[in-house]
Amino acid sequence: MQDLGTLQEMASQYYLVGFIIWLVVVAGMWGVFKKAGETPWFAIIPILDIYILCKVALKDNVILFTILSIIFPIVLIYVYIKLAKAFGKGTGFGILTFFFSFIMIPVLGFSGASYIGAQ
């Protein structure tokens, strides 16, 4: 059986990795919001970041999709596909963003992809 010190070290490493992933996603969303003409620091605020993401990705029903995205995360697939299209990317990019948002959102935020508007 592992002692308490080892478990605490493992937990702190787990939280550190999670925090680093969160920082990478926030930095990517910061870039996405900036490219879309939105206030970048909204990427730091929970729920507001989803609302702004829906606003950037969708033309209509932004509040509805924000609520649905919070309650049913599977709705985020649709939002991410629309986000990808708003930056000139395809459906596959949107699906990859759902599964690997910690990689794909920073790609949108820091690559040469330009915001062309909600489709």
PDB file of N, CA and C in Angstrom:
ATOM      1  N   MET A   1       0.837  -1.176   0.000  1.00  0.00           N
ATOM      2  CA  MET A   1       0.000   0.000   0.000  1.00  0.00           C
ATOM      3  C   MET A   1       0.887   1.246   0.000  1.00  0.00           C
ATOM      4  N   GLN A   2       0.474   2.233  -0.776  1.00  0.00           N
ATOM      5  CA  GLN A   2       1.263   3.454  -0.878  1.00  0.00           C
ATOM      6  C   GLN A   2       1.037   4.326   0.350  1.00  0.00           C
ATOM      7  N   ASP A   3       2.096   5.040   0.727  1.00  0.00           N
ATOM      8  CA  ASP A   3       1.919   5.919   1.872  1.00  0.00           C
ATOM      9  C   ASP A   3       1.267   7.238   1.436  1.00  0.00           C
ATOM     10  N   LEU A   4       0.835   8.012   2.396  1.00  0.00           N
ATOM     11  CA  LEU A   4       0.081   9.237   2.148  1.00  0.00           C
ATOM     12  C   LEU A   4       0.911  10.268   1.387  1.00  0.00           C
ATOM     13  N   GLY A   5       2.201  10.333   1.654  1.00  0.00           N
ATOM     14  CA  GLY A   5       3.075  11.295   0.960  1.00  0.00           C
ATOM     15  C   GLY A   5       3.117  11.045  -0.537  1.00  0.00           C
ATOM     16  N   THR A   6       3.197   9.792  -0.936  1.00  0.00           N
ATOM     17  CA  THR A   6       3.236   9.444  -2.354  1.00  0.00           C
ATOM     18  C   THR A   6       1.918   9.798  -3.037  1.00  0.00           C
ATOM     19  N   LEU A   7       0.802   9.530  -2.364  1.00  0.00           N
ATOM     20  CA  LEU A   7      -0.507   9.870  -2.917  1.00  0.00           C
ATOM     21  C   LEU A   7      -0.666  11.380  -3.075  1.00  0.00           C
ATOM     22  N   GLN A   8      -0.180  12.133  -2.121  1.00  0.00           N
ATOM     23  CA  GLN A   8      -0.258  13.594  -2.207  1.00  0.00           C
ATOM     24  C   GLN A   8       0.595  14.116  -3.362  1.00  0.00           C
ATOM     25  N   GLU A   9       1.761  13.532  -3.552  1.00  0.00           N
ATOM     26  CA  GLU A   9       2.617  13.936  -4.676  1.00  0.00           C
ATOM     27  C   GLU A   9       1.946  13.625  -6.003  1.00  0.00           C
ATOM     28  N   MET A  10       1.332  12.456  -6.112  1.00  0.00           N
ATOM     29  CA  MET A  10       0.640  12.092  -7.347  1.00  0.00           C
ATOM     30  C   MET A  10      -0.532  13.028  -7.613  1.00  0.00           C
ATOM     31  N   ALA A  11      -1.270  13.378  -6.571  1.00  0.00           N
ATOM     32  CA  ALA A  11      -2.408  14.287  -6.729  1.00  0.00           C
ATOM     33  C   ALA A  11      -1.938  15.667  -7.151  1.00  0.00           C
ATOM     34  N   SER A  12      -0.872  16.148  -6.554  1.00  0.00           N
ATOM     35  CA  SER A  12      -0.385  17.482  -6.918  1.00  0.00           C
ATOM     36  C   SER A  12       0.147  17.496  -8.352  1.00  0.00           C
ATOM     37  N   GLN A  13       0.762  16.418  -8.810  1.00  0.00           N
ATOM     38  CA  GLN A  13       1.215  16.334 -10.198  1.00  0.00           C
ATOM     39  C   GLN A  13       0.033  16.287 -11.146  1.00  0.00           C
ATOM     40  N   TYR A  14      -1.004  15.567 -10.760  1.00  0.00           N
ATOM     41  CA  TYR A  14      -2.217  15.486 -11.567  1.00  0.00           C
ATOM     42  C   TYR A  14      -2.832  16.877 -11.731  1.00  0.00           C
ATOM     43  N   TYR A  15      -2.952  17.611 -10.638  1.00  0.00           N
ATOM     44  CA  TYR A  15      -3.531  18.951 -10.704  1.00  0.00           C
ATOM     45  C   TYR A  15      -2.643  19.922 -11.463  1.00  0.00           C
ATOM     46  N   LEU A  16      -1.343  19.764 -11.369  1.00  0.00           N
ATOM     47  CA  LEU A  16      -0.427  20.621 -12.115  1.00  0.00           C
ATOM     48  C   LEU A  16      -0.578  20.402 -13.613  1.00  0.00           C
ATOM     49  N   VAL A  17      -0.674  19.162 -14.028  1.00  0.00           N
ATOM     50  CA  VAL A  17      -0.868  18.849 -15.450  1.00  0.00           C
ATOM     51  C   VAL A  17      -2.212  19.410 -15.921  1.00  0.00           C
ATOM     52  N   GLY A  18      -3.253  19.237 -15.129  1.00  0.00           N
ATOM     53  CA  GLY A  18      -4.562  19.780 -15.477  1.00  0.00           C
ATOM     54  C   GLY A  18      -4.539  21.295 -15.601  1.00  0.00           C
ATOM     55  N   PHE A  19      -3.835  21.956 -14.708  1.00  0.00           N
ATOM     56  CA  PHE A  19      -3.731  23.411 -14.749  1.00  0.00           C
ATOM     57  C   PHE A  19      -2.975  23.877 -15.993  1.00  0.00           C
ATOM     58  N   ILE A  20      -1.925  23.170 -16.355  1.00  0.00           N
ATOM     59  CA  ILE A  20      -1.159  23.529 -17.553  1.00  0.00           C
ATOM     60  C   ILE A  20      -2.021  23.358 -18.804  1.00  0.00           C
ATOM     61  N   ILE A  21      -2.783  22.275 -18.879  1.00  0.00           N
ATOM     62  CA  ILE A  21      -3.689  22.070 -20.020  1.00  0.00           C
ATOM     63  C   ILE A  21      -4.724  23.176 -20.072  1.00  0.00           C
ATOM     64  N   TRP A  22      -5.282  23.556 -18.918  1.00  0.00           N
ATOM     65  CA  TRP A  22      -6.257  24.644 -18.867  1.00  0.00           C
ATOM     66  C   TRP A  22      -5.632  25.942 -19.371  1.00  0.00           C
ATOM     67  N   LEU A  23      -4.406  26.230 -18.958  1.00  0.00           N
ATOM     68  CA  LEU A  23      -3.722  27.445 -19.417  1.00  0.00           C
ATOM     69  C   LEU A  23      -3.522  27.462 -20.931  1.00  0.00           C
ATOM     70  N   VAL A  24      -3.180  26.319 -21.502  1.00  0.00           N
ATOM     71  CA  VAL A  24      -2.986  26.229 -22.949  1.00  0.00           C
ATOM     72  C   VAL A  24      -4.301  26.491 -23.675  1.00  0.00           C
ATOM     73  N   VAL A  25      -5.394  25.910 -23.180  1.00  0.00           N
ATOM     74  CA  VAL A  25      -6.704  26.125 -23.807  1.00  0.00           C
ATOM     75  C   VAL A  25      -7.127  27.577 -23.665  1.00  0.00           C
ATOM     76  N   VAL A  26      -6.936  28.170 -22.503  1.00  0.00           N
ATOM     77  CA  VAL A  26      -7.295  29.586 -22.303  1.00  0.00           C
ATOM     78  C   VAL A  26      -6.464  30.471 -23.232  1.00  0.00           C
ATOM     79  N   ALA A  27      -5.188  30.181 -23.367  1.00  0.00           N
ATOM     80  CA  ALA A  27      -4.349  30.974 -24.271  1.00  0.00           C
ATOM     81  C   ALA A  27      -4.847  30.850 -25.710  1.00  0.00           C
ATOM     82  N   GLY A  28      -5.237  29.648 -26.112  1.00  0.00           N
ATOM     83  CA  GLY A  28      -5.781  29.455 -27.456  1.00  0.00           C
ATOM     84  C   GLY A  28      -7.090  30.192 -27.655  1.00  0.00           C
ATOM     85  N   MET A  29      -7.988  30.116 -26.648  1.00  0.00           N
ATOM     86  CA  MET A  29      -9.259  30.829 -26.744  1.00  0.00           C
ATOM     87  C   MET A  29      -9.029  32.337 -26.747  1.00  0.00           C
ATOM     88  N   TRP A  30      -8.040  32.786 -26.015  1.00  0.00           N
ATOM     89  CA  TRP A  30      -7.667  34.210 -26.008  1.00  0.00           C
ATOM     90  C   TRP A  30      -7.368  34.653 -27.443  1.00  0.00           C
ATOM     91  N   GLY A  31      -6.575  33.856 -28.152  1.00  0.00           N
ATOM     92  CA  GLY A  31      -6.248  34.165 -29.539  1.00  0.00           C
ATOM     93  C   GLY A  31      -7.454  34.101 -30.457  1.00  0.00           C
ATOM     94  N   VAL A  32      -8.319  33.100 -30.251  1.00  0.00           N
ATOM     95  CA  VAL A  32      -9.537  32.962 -31.056  1.00  0.00           C
ATOM     96  C   VAL A  32     -10.434  34.176 -30.847  1.00  0.00           C
ATOM     97  N   PHE A  33     -10.641  34.549 -29.593  1.00  0.00           N
ATOM     98  CA  PHE A  33     -11.505  35.695 -29.291  1.00  0.00           C
ATOM     99  C   PHE A  33     -10.931  36.985 -29.867  1.00  0.00           C
ATOM    100  N   LYS A  34      -9.626  37.134 -29.772  1.00  0.00           N
ATOM    101  CA  LYS A  34      -8.975  38.340 -30.299  1.00  0.00           C
ATOM    102  C   LYS A  34      -9.148  38.428 -31.814  1.00  0.00           C
ATOM    103  N   LYS A  35      -8.959  37.305 -32.511  1.00  0.00           N
ATOM    104  CA  LYS A  35      -9.131  37.284 -33.966  1.00  0.00           C
ATOM    105  C   LYS A  35     -10.566  37.588 -34.367  1.00  0.00           C
ATOM    106  N   ALA A  36     -11.519  37.179 -33.537  1.00  0.00           N
ATOM    107  CA  ALA A  36     -12.933  37.377 -33.844  1.00  0.00           C
ATOM    108  C   ALA A  36     -13.441  38.745 -33.396  1.00  0.00           C
ATOM    109  N   GLY A  37     -12.573  39.552 -32.810  1.00  0.00           N
ATOM    110  CA  GLY A  37     -12.977  40.889 -32.384  1.00  0.00           C
ATOM    111  C   GLY A  37     -13.712  40.917 -31.056  1.00  0.00           C
ATOM    112  N   GLU A  38     -13.588  39.874 -30.275  1.00  0.00           N
ATOM    113  CA  GLU A  38     -14.214  39.814 -28.949  1.00  0.00           C
ATOM    114  C   GLU A  38     -13.181  40.172 -27.883  1.00  0.00           C
ATOM    115  N   THR A  39     -13.644  40.423 -26.679  1.00  0.00           N
ATOM    116  CA  THR A  39     -12.753  40.749 -25.573  1.00  0.00           C
ATOM    117  C   THR A  39     -11.985  39.484 -25.160  1.00  0.00           C
ATOM    118  N   PRO A  40     -10.659  39.471 -25.349  1.00  0.00           N
ATOM    119  CA  PRO A  40      -9.886  38.241 -25.117  1.00  0.00           C
ATOM    120  C   PRO A  40      -9.924  37.706 -23.688  1.00  0.00           C
ATOM    121  N   TRP A  41      -9.933  38.588 -22.689  1.00  0.00           N
ATOM    122  CA  TRP A  41      -9.841  38.075 -21.322  1.00  0.00           C
ATOM    123  C   TRP A  41     -11.108  37.348 -20.871  1.00  0.00           C
ATOM    124  N   PHE A  42     -12.171  37.376 -21.682  1.00  0.00           N
ATOM    125  CA  PHE A  42     -13.362  36.585 -21.368  1.00  0.00           C
ATOM    126  C   PHE A  42     -13.052  35.089 -21.420  1.00  0.00           C
ATOM    127  N   ALA A  43     -11.933  34.715 -22.030  1.00  0.00           N
ATOM    128  CA  ALA A  43     -11.534  33.303 -22.100  1.00  0.00           C
ATOM    129  C   ALA A  43     -11.221  32.738 -20.716  1.00  0.00           C
ATOM    130  N   ILE A  44     -10.973  33.597 -19.758  1.00  0.00           N
ATOM    131  CA  ILE A  44     -10.610  33.155 -18.404  1.00  0.00           C
ATOM    132  C   ILE A  44     -11.843  32.837 -17.567  1.00  0.00           C
ATOM    133  N   ILE A  45     -12.976  33.419 -17.893  1.00  0.00           N
ATOM    134  CA  ILE A  45     -14.168  33.331 -17.050  1.00  0.00           C
ATOM    135  C   ILE A  45     -15.044  32.148 -17.478  1.00  0.00           C
ATOM    136  N   PRO A  46     -15.241  31.179 -16.568  1.00  0.00           N
ATOM    137  CA  PRO A  46     -16.083  30.032 -16.905  1.00  0.00           C
ATOM    138  C   PRO A  46     -17.502  30.462 -17.284  1.00  0.00           C
ATOM    139  N   ILE A  47     -18.123  29.731 -18.139  1.00  0.00           N
ATOM    140  CA  ILE A  47     -19.458  29.929 -18.702  1.00  0.00           C
ATOM    141  C   ILE A  47     -19.469  31.104 -19.673  1.00  0.00           C
ATOM    142  N   LEU A  48     -18.879  32.238 -19.295  1.00  0.00           N
ATOM    143  CA  LEU A  48     -18.784  33.355 -20.231  1.00  0.00           C
ATOM    144  C   LEU A  48     -17.926  32.959 -21.432  1.00  0.00           C
ATOM    145  N   ASP A  49     -16.891  32.155 -21.205  1.00  0.00           N
ATOM    146  CA  ASP A  49     -16.058  31.711 -22.320  1.00  0.00           C
ATOM    147  C   ASP A  49     -16.857  30.855 -23.305  1.00  0.00           C
ATOM    148  N   ILE A  50     -17.763  30.032 -22.785  1.00  0.00           N
ATOM    149  CA  ILE A  50     -18.598  29.220 -23.676  1.00  0.00           C
ATOM    150  C   ILE A  50     -19.575  30.105 -24.440  1.00  0.00           C
ATOM    151  N   TYR A  51     -20.134  31.109 -23.756  1.00  0.00           N
ATOM    152  CA  TYR A  51     -21.047  32.040 -24.424  1.00  0.00           C
ATOM    153  C   TYR A  51     -20.339  32.770 -25.576  1.00  0.00           C
ATOM    154  N   ILE A  52     -19.144  33.280 -25.329  1.00  0.00           N
ATOM    155  CA  ILE A  52     -18.396  33.996 -26.370  1.00  0.00           C
ATOM    156  C   ILE A  52     -18.005  33.032 -27.487  1.00  0.00           C
ATOM    157  N   LEU A  53     -17.631  31.809 -27.143  1.00  0.00           N
ATOM    158  CA  LEU A  53     -17.306  30.809 -28.151  1.00  0.00           C
ATOM    159  C   LEU A  53     -18.511  30.552 -29.049  1.00  0.00           C
ATOM    160  N   CYS A  54     -19.693  30.413 -28.453  1.00  0.00           N
ATOM    161  CA  CYS A  54     -20.912  30.224 -29.240  1.00  0.00           C
ATOM    162  C   CYS A  54     -21.217  31.458 -30.074  1.00  0.00           C
ATOM    163  N   LYS A  55     -20.957  32.632 -29.524  1.00  0.00           N
ATOM    164  CA  LYS A  55     -21.191  33.883 -30.254  1.00  0.00           C
ATOM    165  C   LYS A  55     -20.280  33.977 -31.477  1.00  0.00           C
ATOM    166  N   VAL A  56     -19.041  33.538 -31.322  1.00  0.00           N
ATOM    167  CA  VAL A  56     -18.082  33.565 -32.430  1.00  0.00           C
ATOM    168  C   VAL A  56     -18.451  32.526 -33.487  1.00  0.00           C
ATOM    169  N   ALA A  57     -18.929  31.369 -33.048  1.00  0.00           N
ATOM    170  CA  ALA A  57     -19.171  30.249 -33.961  1.00  0.00           C
ATOM    171  C   ALA A  57     -20.539  30.271 -34.633  1.00  0.00           C
ATOM    172  N   LEU A  58     -21.532  30.855 -33.984  1.00  0.00           N
ATOM    173  CA  LEU A  58     -22.907  30.747 -34.468  1.00  0.00           C
ATOM    174  C   LEU A  58     -23.484  32.110 -34.810  1.00  0.00           C
ATOM    175  N   LYS A  59     -24.443  32.111 -35.708  1.00  0.00           N
ATOM    176  CA  LYS A  59     -25.156  33.341 -36.043  1.00  0.00           C
ATOM    177  C   LYS A  59     -26.349  33.542 -35.117  1.00  0.00           C
ATOM    178  N   ASP A  60     -27.110  32.484 -34.902  1.00  0.00           N
ATOM    179  CA  ASP A  60     -28.362  32.563 -34.167  1.00  0.00           C
ATOM    180  C   ASP A  60     -28.346  31.640 -32.951  1.00  0.00           C
ATOM    181  N   ASN A  61     -29.300  31.867 -32.070  1.00  0.00           N
ATOM    182  CA  ASN A  61     -29.526  30.997 -30.904  1.00  0.00           C
ATOM    183  C   ASN A  61     -28.291  30.846 -30.019  1.00  0.00           C
ATOM    184  N   VAL A  62     -27.552  31.925 -29.835  1.00  0.00           N
ATOM    185  CA  VAL A  62     -26.315  31.864 -29.060  1.00  0.00           C
ATOM    186  C   VAL A  62     -26.596  31.470 -27.614  1.00  0.00           C
ATOM    187  N   ILE A  63     -27.595  32.077 -27.002  1.00  0.00           N
ATOM    188  CA  ILE A  63     -27.898  31.772 -25.597  1.00  0.00           C
ATOM    189  C   ILE A  63     -28.385  30.335 -25.457  1.00  0.00           C
ATOM    190  N   LEU A  64     -29.222  29.877 -26.367  1.00  0.00           N
ATOM    191  CA  LEU A  64     -29.717  28.500 -26.338  1.00  0.00           C
ATOM    192  C   LEU A  64     -28.559  27.504 -26.412  1.00  0.00           C
ATOM    193  N   PHE A  65     -27.638  27.716 -27.356  1.00  0.00           N
ATOM    194  CA  PHE A  65     -26.516  26.789 -27.499  1.00  0.00           C
ATOM    195  C   PHE A  65     -25.542  26.890 -26.330  1.00  0.00           C
ATOM    196  N   THR A  66     -25.433  28.061 -25.717  1.00  0.00           N
ATOM    197  CA  THR A  66     -24.594  28.187 -24.526  1.00  0.00           C
ATOM    198  C   THR A  66     -25.152  27.328 -23.403  1.00  0.00           C
ATOM    199  N   ILE A  67     -26.454  27.432 -23.167  1.00  0.00           N
ATOM    200  CA  ILE A  67     -27.093  26.635 -22.109  1.00  0.00           C
ATOM    201  C   ILE A  67     -26.987  25.143 -22.421  1.00  0.00           C
ATOM    202  N   LEU A  68     -27.274  24.773 -23.669  1.00  0.00           N
ATOM    203  CA  LEU A  68     -27.196  23.359 -24.052  1.00  0.00           C
ATOM    204  C   LEU A  68     -25.773  22.821 -23.949  1.00  0.00           C
ATOM    205  N   SER A  69     -24.777  23.653 -24.271  1.00  0.00           N
ATOM    206  CA  SER A  69     -23.380  23.217 -24.197  1.00  0.00           C
ATOM    207  C   SER A  69     -22.952  22.955 -22.765  1.00  0.00           C
ATOM    208  N   ILE A  70     -23.523  23.716 -21.844  1.00  0.00           N
ATOM    209  CA  ILE A  70     -23.188  23.517 -20.436  1.00  0.00           C
ATOM    210  C   ILE A  70     -23.881  22.264 -19.901  1.00  0.00           C
ATOM    211  N   ILE A  71     -25.148  22.066 -20.282  1.00  0.00           N
ATOM    212  CA  ILE A  71     -25.915  20.927 -19.789  1.00  0.00           C
ATOM    213  C   ILE A  71     -25.546  19.636 -20.517  1.00  0.00           C
ATOM    214  N   PHE A  72     -25.411  19.710 -21.841  1.00  0.00           N
ATOM    215  CA  PHE A  72     -25.106  18.539 -22.668  1.00  0.00           C
ATOM    216  C   PHE A  72     -23.818  18.800 -23.455  1.00  0.00           C
ATOM    217  N   PRO A  73     -22.676  18.407 -22.919  1.00  0.00           N
ATOM    218  CA  PRO A  73     -21.410  18.696 -23.602  1.00  0.00           C
ATOM    219  C   PRO A  73     -21.324  18.163 -25.033  1.00  0.00           C
ATOM    220  N   ILE A  74     -22.137  17.184 -25.394  1.00  0.00           N
ATOM    221  CA  ILE A  74     -22.107  16.643 -26.758  1.00  0.00           C
ATOM    222  C   ILE A  74     -22.503  17.720 -27.766  1.00  0.00           C
ATOM    223  N   VAL A  75     -23.262  18.721 -27.325  1.00  0.00           N
ATOM    224  CA  VAL A  75     -23.654  19.837 -28.199  1.00  0.00           C
ATOM    225  C   VAL A  75     -22.415  20.611 -28.645  1.00  0.00           C
ATOM    226  N   LEU A  76     -21.348  20.523 -27.865  1.00  0.00           N
ATOM    227  CA  LEU A  76     -20.111  21.213 -28.228  1.00  0.00           C
ATOM    228  C   LEU A  76     -19.547  20.726 -29.561  1.00  0.00           C
ATOM    229  N   ILE A  77     -19.847  19.493 -29.948  1.00  0.00           N
ATOM    230  CA  ILE A  77     -19.386  19.022 -31.261  1.00  0.00           C
ATOM    231  C   ILE A  77     -19.922  19.951 -32.345  1.00  0.00           C
ATOM    232  N   TYR A  78     -21.206  20.250 -32.289  1.00  0.00           N
ATOM    233  CA  TYR A  78     -21.822  21.157 -33.268  1.00  0.00           C
ATOM    234  C   TYR A  78     -21.179  22.547 -33.198  1.00  0.00           C
ATOM    235  N   VAL A  79     -20.978  23.051 -31.986  1.00  0.00           N
ATOM    236  CA  VAL A  79     -20.378  24.384 -31.819  1.00  0.00           C
ATOM    237  C   VAL A  79     -18.951  24.397 -32.361  1.00  0.00           C
ATOM    238  N   TYR A  80     -18.187  23.342 -32.085  1.00  0.00           N
ATOM    239  CA  TYR A  80     -16.808  23.284 -32.575  1.00  0.00           C
ATOM    240  C   TYR A  80     -16.753  23.160 -34.101  1.00  0.00           C
ATOM    241  N   ILE A  81     -17.695  22.432 -34.690  1.00  0.00           N
ATOM    242  CA  ILE A  81     -17.745  22.350 -36.157  1.00  0.00           C
ATOM    243  C   ILE A  81     -18.029  23.731 -36.739  1.00  0.00           C
ATOM    244  N   LYS A  82     -18.976  24.438 -36.137  1.00  0.00           N
ATOM    245  CA  LYS A  82     -19.291  25.799 -36.595  1.00  0.00           C
ATOM    246  C   LYS A  82     -18.110  26.741 -36.361  1.00  0.00           C
ATOM    247  N   LEU A  83     -17.402  26.561 -35.268  1.00  0.00           N
ATOM    248  CA  LEU A  83     -16.217  27.372 -34.995  1.00  0.00           C
ATOM    249  C   LEU A  83     -15.152  27.132 -36.057  1.00  0.00           C
ATOM    250  N   ALA A  84     -14.927  25.869 -36.394  1.00  0.00           N
ATOM    251  CA  ALA A  84     -13.941  25.531 -37.423  1.00  0.00           C
ATOM    252  C   ALA A  84     -14.311  26.190 -38.745  1.00  0.00           C
ATOM    253  N   LYS A  85     -15.582  26.137 -39.108  1.00  0.00           N
ATOM    254  CA  LYS A  85     -16.025  26.748 -40.358  1.00  0.00           C
ATOM    255  C   LYS A  85     -15.909  28.266 -40.317  1.00  0.00           C
ATOM    256  N   ALA A  86     -16.072  28.867 -39.136  1.00  0.00           N
ATOM    257  CA  ALA A  86     -15.921  30.313 -38.989  1.00  0.00           C
ATOM    258  C   ALA A  86     -14.476  30.746 -39.205  1.00  0.00           C
ATOM    259  N   PHE A  87     -13.556  29.803 -39.106  1.00  0.00           N
ATOM    260  CA  PHE A  87     -12.140  30.084 -39.355  1.00  0.00           C
ATOM    261  C   PHE A  87     -11.649  29.439 -40.651  1.00  0.00           C
ATOM    262  N   GLY A  88     -12.593  29.005 -41.502  1.00  0.00           N
ATOM    263  CA  GLY A  88     -12.234  28.455 -42.797  1.00  0.00           C
ATOM    264  C   GLY A  88     -11.733  27.026 -42.764  1.00  0.00           C
ATOM    265  N   LYS A  89     -12.000  26.319 -41.703  1.00  0.00           N
ATOM    266  CA  LYS A  89     -11.585  24.920 -41.573  1.00  0.00           C
ATOM    267  C   LYS A  89     -12.778  24.017 -41.849  1.00  0.00           C
ATOM    268  N   GLY A  90     -12.528  22.728 -41.965  1.00  0.00           N
ATOM    269  CA  GLY A  90     -13.587  21.781 -42.297  1.00  0.00           C
ATOM    270  C   GLY A  90     -14.222  21.119 -41.084  1.00  0.00           C
ATOM    271  N   THR A  91     -15.173  20.242 -41.363  1.00  0.00           N
ATOM    272  CA  THR A  91     -15.893  19.519 -40.321  1.00  0.00           C
ATOM    273  C   THR A  91     -14.957  18.640 -39.500  1.00  0.00           C
ATOM    274  N   GLY A  92     -13.999  18.010 -40.159  1.00  0.00           N
ATOM    275  CA  GLY A  92     -13.043  17.160 -39.453  1.00  0.00           C
ATOM    276  C   GLY A  92     -12.266  17.922 -38.401  1.00  0.00           C
ATOM    277  N   PHE A  93     -11.899  19.151 -38.705  1.00  0.00           N
ATOM    278  CA  PHE A  93     -11.188  19.989 -37.741  1.00  0.00           C
ATOM    279  C   PHE A  93     -12.080  20.238 -36.520  1.00  0.00           C
ATOM    280  N   GLY A  94     -13.368  20.477 -36.758  1.00  0.00           N
ATOM    281  CA  GLY A  94     -14.305  20.705 -35.663  1.00  0.00           C
ATOM    282  C   GLY A  94     -14.466  19.487 -34.775  1.00  0.00           C
ATOM    283  N   ILE A  95     -14.528  18.310 -35.383  1.00  0.00           N
ATOM    284  CA  ILE A  95     -14.649  17.072 -34.602  1.00  0.00           C
ATOM    285  C   ILE A  95     -13.371  16.824 -33.798  1.00  0.00           C
ATOM    286  N   LEU A  96     -12.226  17.047 -34.418  1.00  0.00           N
ATOM    287  CA  LEU A  96     -10.962  16.916 -33.686  1.00  0.00           C
ATOM    288  C   LEU A  96     -10.888  17.902 -32.524  1.00  0.00           C
ATOM    289  N   THR A  97     -11.467  19.084 -32.707  1.00  0.00           N
ATOM    290  CA  THR A  97     -11.471  20.082 -31.643  1.00  0.00           C
ATOM    291  C   THR A  97     -12.264  19.584 -30.443  1.00  0.00           C
ATOM    292  N   PHE A  98     -13.339  18.853 -30.682  1.00  0.00           N
ATOM    293  CA  PHE A  98     -14.106  18.299 -29.563  1.00  0.00           C
ATOM    294  C   PHE A  98     -13.254  17.325 -28.752  1.00  0.00           C
ATOM    295  N   PHE A  99     -12.543  16.444 -29.428  1.00  0.00           N
ATOM    296  CA  PHE A  99     -11.765  15.421 -28.733  1.00  0.00           C
ATOM    297  C   PHE A  99     -10.411  15.922 -28.238  1.00  0.00           C
ATOM    298  N   PHE A 100      -9.827  16.879 -28.943  1.00  0.00           N
ATOM    299  CA  PHE A 100      -8.492  17.379 -28.604  1.00  0.00           C
ATOM    300  C   PHE A 100      -8.487  18.899 -28.527  1.00  0.00           C
ATOM    301  N   SER A 101      -9.412  19.458 -27.754  1.00  0.00           N
ATOM    302  CA  SER A 101      -9.530  20.922 -27.685  1.00  0.00           C
ATOM    303  C   SER A 101      -8.260  21.566 -27.139  1.00  0.00           C
ATOM    304  N   PHE A 102      -7.536  20.860 -26.296  1.00  0.00           N
ATOM    305  CA  PHE A 102      -6.307  21.409 -25.732  1.00  0.00           C
ATOM    306  C   PHE A 102      -5.212  21.576 -26.781  1.00  0.00           C
ATOM    307  N   ILE A 103      -5.385  20.964 -27.948  1.00  0.00           N
ATOM    308  CA  ILE A 103      -4.448  21.136 -29.058  1.00  0.00           C
ATOM    309  C   ILE A 103      -5.057  22.021 -30.146  1.00  0.00           C
ATOM    310  N   MET A 104      -6.295  21.736 -30.519  1.00  0.00           N
ATOM    311  CA  MET A 104      -6.905  22.378 -31.691  1.00  0.00           C
ATOM    312  C   MET A 104      -7.298  23.843 -31.453  1.00  0.00           C
ATOM    313  N   ILE A 105      -7.763  24.193 -30.263  1.00  0.00           N
ATOM    314  CA  ILE A 105      -8.107  25.597 -30.000  1.00  0.00           C
ATOM    315  C   ILE A 105      -6.862  26.475 -30.047  1.00  0.00           C
ATOM    316  N   PRO A 106      -5.748  26.067 -29.433  1.00  0.00           N
ATOM    317  CA  PRO A 106      -4.536  26.873 -29.619  1.00  0.00           C
ATOM    318  C   PRO A 106      -4.080  26.941 -31.082  1.00  0.00           C
ATOM    319  N   VAL A 107      -4.314  25.876 -31.856  1.00  0.00           N
ATOM    320  CA  VAL A 107      -3.980  25.931 -33.283  1.00  0.00           C
ATOM    321  C   VAL A 107      -4.782  27.048 -33.955  1.00  0.00           C
ATOM    322  N   LEU A 108      -6.079  27.125 -33.659  1.00  0.00           N
ATOM    323  CA  LEU A 108      -6.894  28.212 -34.222  1.00  0.00           C
ATOM    324  C   LEU A 108      -6.417  29.571 -33.727  1.00  0.00           C
ATOM    325  N   GLY A 109      -6.086  29.651 -32.454  1.00  0.00           N
ATOM    326  CA  GLY A 109      -5.705  30.927 -31.861  1.00  0.00           C
ATOM    327  C   GLY A 109      -4.359  31.446 -32.310  1.00  0.00           C
ATOM    328  N   PHE A 110      -3.410  30.552 -32.580  1.00  0.00           N
ATOM    329  CA  PHE A 110      -2.055  30.991 -32.876  1.00  0.00           C
ATOM    330  C   PHE A 110      -1.600  30.744 -34.305  1.00  0.00           C
ATOM    331  N   SER A 111      -2.422  30.048 -35.102  1.00  0.00           N
ATOM    332  CA  SER A 111      -2.031  29.806 -36.495  1.00  0.00           C
ATOM    333  C   SER A 111      -2.416  30.999 -37.354  1.00  0.00           C
ATOM    334  N   GLY A 112      -2.184  30.876 -38.630  1.00  0.00           N
ATOM    335  CA  GLY A 112      -2.529  31.933 -39.565  1.00  0.00           C
ATOM    336  C   GLY A 112      -3.994  31.936 -39.951  1.00  0.00           C
ATOM    337  N   ALA A 113      -4.811  31.090 -39.325  1.00  0.00           N
ATOM    338  CA  ALA A 113      -6.234  31.025 -39.639  1.00  0.00           C
ATOM    339  C   ALA A 113      -6.902  32.367 -39.325  1.00  0.00           C
ATOM    340  N   SER A 114      -7.670  32.847 -40.261  1.00  0.00           N
ATOM    341  CA  SER A 114      -8.372  34.121 -40.088  1.00  0.00           C
ATOM    342  C   SER A 114      -9.841  33.877 -39.820  1.00  0.00           C
ATOM    343  N   TYR A 115     -10.415  34.730 -39.014  1.00  0.00           N
ATOM    344  CA  TYR A 115     -11.849  34.641 -38.712  1.00  0.00           C
ATOM    345  C   TYR A 115     -12.613  35.216 -39.888  1.00  0.00           C
ATOM    346  N   ILE A 116     -13.469  34.375 -40.494  1.00  0.00           N
ATOM    347  CA  ILE A 116     -14.247  34.836 -41.651  1.00  0.00           C
ATOM    348  C   ILE A 116     -15.712  35.057 -41.288  1.00  0.00           C
ATOM    349  N   GLY A 117     -16.064  34.776 -40.036  1.00  0.00           N
ATOM    350  CA  GLY A 117     -17.420  35.001 -39.570  1.00  0.00           C
ATOM    351  C   GLY A 117     -18.201  33.719 -39.450  1.00  0.00           C
ATOM    352  N   ALA A 118     -19.246  33.786 -38.642  1.00  0.00           N
ATOM    353  CA  ALA A 118     -20.107  32.625 -38.445  1.00  0.00           C
ATOM    354  C   ALA A 118     -20.801  32.283 -39.761  1.00  0.00           C
ATOM    355  N   GLN A 119     -20.862  31.002 -40.054  1.00  0.00           N
ATOM    356  CA  GLN A 119     -21.433  30.548 -41.325  1.00  0.00           C
ATOM    357  C   GLN A 119     -22.903  30.215 -41.168  1.00  0.00           C
TER     358      GLN A 119
END
